[in-house]
Protein backbone atom coordinates (compact mmCIF):
# COMPACT_ATOMS: atom_id res chain seq x y z
CA MET A 1 0.00 0.00 0.00
CA ALA A 2 1.29 3.44 -0.91
CA THR A 3 2.13 5.87 1.84
CA VAL A 4 -0.84 7.99 2.74
CA LYS A 5 0.03 11.40 4.11
CA GLN A 6 -3.34 13.12 3.85
CA PHE A 7 -6.92 12.05 3.34
CA GLU A 8 -6.83 13.29 -0.25
CA ASP A 9 -4.42 10.41 -0.98
CA LEU A 10 -7.07 7.81 -0.12
CA ASP A 11 -8.84 6.16 -3.06
CA ILE A 12 -12.03 5.90 -1.01
CA TRP A 13 -12.04 9.65 -0.46
CA LYS A 14 -11.39 10.28 -4.16
CA LEU A 15 -14.31 8.02 -5.13
CA ALA A 16 -16.54 9.61 -2.51
CA ARG A 17 -15.74 13.00 -4.00
CA ILE A 18 -16.72 11.75 -7.47
CA LEU A 19 -19.99 10.37 -6.08
CA CYS A 20 -20.72 13.70 -4.39
CA LYS A 21 -20.00 15.61 -7.60
CA ASP A 22 -22.17 13.25 -9.65
CA ILE A 23 -25.06 13.58 -7.19
CA ASN A 24 -24.72 17.37 -7.26
CA LYS A 25 -24.71 17.38 -11.07
CA ILE A 26 -27.98 15.42 -11.15
CA ALA A 27 -29.47 17.54 -8.38
CA ASN A 28 -28.78 20.79 -10.18
CA SER A 29 -29.68 19.67 -13.70
CA THR A 30 -33.07 18.10 -12.93
CA GLU A 31 -36.29 19.00 -11.18
CA LEU A 32 -34.78 17.54 -8.01
CA ARG A 33 -33.46 21.04 -7.33
CA LYS A 34 -37.08 22.08 -6.62
CA ASP A 35 -37.68 19.17 -4.22
CA TYR A 36 -35.85 20.98 -1.44
CA LYS A 37 -36.14 18.33 1.26
CA LEU A 38 -34.90 15.43 -0.87
CA TYR A 39 -32.29 17.66 -2.55
CA SER A 40 -30.95 18.66 0.85
CA GLN A 41 -30.96 15.08 2.13
CA ILE A 42 -29.10 13.53 -0.78
CA ASP A 43 -26.68 16.44 -0.98
CA GLY A 44 -25.99 16.04 2.74
CA SER A 45 -25.62 12.28 2.76
CA SER A 46 -23.35 12.16 -0.28
CA GLY A 47 -21.20 14.91 1.23
CA SER A 48 -21.11 13.04 4.52
CA VAL A 49 -19.46 10.06 2.81
CA MET A 50 -16.37 12.08 1.89
CA ASP A 51 -16.42 14.38 4.91
CA ASN A 52 -16.41 11.54 7.44
CA ILE A 53 -13.47 9.87 5.69
CA ALA A 54 -11.58 13.16 6.00
CA GLU A 55 -12.59 13.79 9.60
CA GLY A 56 -11.71 10.26 10.69
CA PHE A 57 -8.33 10.44 9.00
CA GLU A 58 -7.53 13.70 10.77
CA ARG A 59 -8.21 12.10 14.18
CA ASN A 60 -4.80 10.37 13.85
CA GLY A 61 -5.92 7.12 15.43
CA ASN A 62 -7.30 3.93 13.92
CA LYS A 63 -10.14 3.47 16.42
CA GLU A 64 -11.53 6.91 15.69
CA PHE A 65 -10.87 6.50 11.97
CA ILE A 66 -12.80 3.21 11.91
CA GLN A 67 -15.70 4.87 13.73
CA PHE A 68 -15.85 7.67 11.15
CA LEU A 69 -15.48 5.20 8.29
CA SER A 70 -18.49 3.38 9.70
CA ILE A 71 -20.47 6.62 9.58
CA SER A 72 -19.20 7.23 6.04
CA LYS A 73 -20.31 3.74 4.97
CA ALA A 74 -23.73 4.32 6.51
CA SER A 75 -24.03 7.64 4.66
CA CYS A 76 -23.20 5.80 1.45
CA GLY A 77 -26.13 3.45 2.13
CA GLU A 78 -28.34 6.42 2.95
CA THR A 79 -27.40 8.01 -0.36
CA ARG A 80 -28.24 4.75 -2.16
CA SER A 81 -31.67 4.66 -0.49
CA GLN A 82 -32.34 8.27 -1.45
CA LEU A 83 -31.43 7.43 -5.05
CA TYR A 84 -34.48 5.16 -5.13
CA ARG A 85 -36.65 8.12 -4.15
CA VAL A 86 -34.99 10.23 -6.84
CA LEU A 87 -35.71 7.49 -9.38
CA ASP A 88 -39.28 6.90 -8.15
CA ARG A 89 -40.04 10.60 -8.49
CA ASN A 90 -38.73 10.51 -12.07
CA TYR A 91 -35.89 12.96 -11.51
CA ILE A 92 -33.47 10.49 -13.14
CA ASN A 93 -33.84 7.57 -15.52
CA LYS A 94 -32.91 3.97 -14.82
CA ASP A 95 -29.50 4.26 -16.51
CA GLU A 96 -28.53 7.26 -14.38
CA PHE A 97 -29.81 5.45 -11.30
CA ASN A 98 -27.80 2.32 -12.13
CA LYS A 99 -24.58 4.31 -12.57
CA LEU A 100 -24.97 6.05 -9.22
CA TYR A 101 -26.21 2.88 -7.51
CA ASP A 102 -23.12 0.99 -8.71
CA GLN A 103 -20.89 3.78 -7.40
CA THR A 104 -22.46 3.49 -3.93
CA ILE A 105 -22.10 -0.31 -3.90
CA ILE A 106 -18.44 -0.21 -4.93
CA LEU A 107 -17.63 2.61 -2.52
CA GLY A 108 -19.42 0.92 0.38
CA LYS A 109 -17.45 -2.28 -0.20
CA MET A 110 -14.18 -0.37 -0.42
CA ILE A 111 -14.88 1.50 2.82
CA GLY A 112 -15.77 -1.77 4.54
CA GLY A 113 -12.60 -3.38 3.25
CA PHE A 114 -10.51 -0.48 4.47
CA MET A 115 -12.17 -0.71 7.89
CA ASN A 116 -11.21 -4.40 8.06
CA TYR A 117 -7.64 -3.56 7.04
CA LEU A 118 -7.36 -0.97 9.80
CA LYS A 119 -8.80 -3.36 12.40
CA LYS A 120 -6.07 -5.90 11.59
CA SER A 121 -3.25 -3.38 11.24
CA ASP A 122 -0.50 -3.08 13.84
CA LEU A 123 -0.30 0.64 13.07
CA LYS A 124 -2.62 2.44 15.44
CA GLY A 125 -2.14 6.03 14.29
CA SER A 126 0.31 8.86 14.86
CA LYS A 127 -1.28 9.90 18.14
CA TYR A 128 -0.12 6.58 19.63
CA LYS A 129 3.52 6.81 18.54
CA ALA A 130 6.10 7.19 21.28
CA ASN A 131 7.58 10.68 21.35
């Protein structure tokens, strides 16, 4: 695994950012922008995926990072659920839904895999290094 110095180096954060951008693009180019409650919810949950990865990373400890990754993974599932509402209200077509759905599935699996890696890792984070 490559050395990770900042959260922006993490592939899961990069993919979460793409998901967030893709959700925002749909939200602002369809009638979803007028459905303020759903717009706000899906914008918030998709942003939460990337933001919790960043916040957990900045905690400098694996236990905290895993906790924030768990929240990020849950937000990814929340975004996927909201996509069904976006589809059911005809804001997007089935192809657009499938693309975004697939992104959430892949990202959720990657976050889960990274959580498992951290749980097994002997590295516990910079806050636990001897000074």
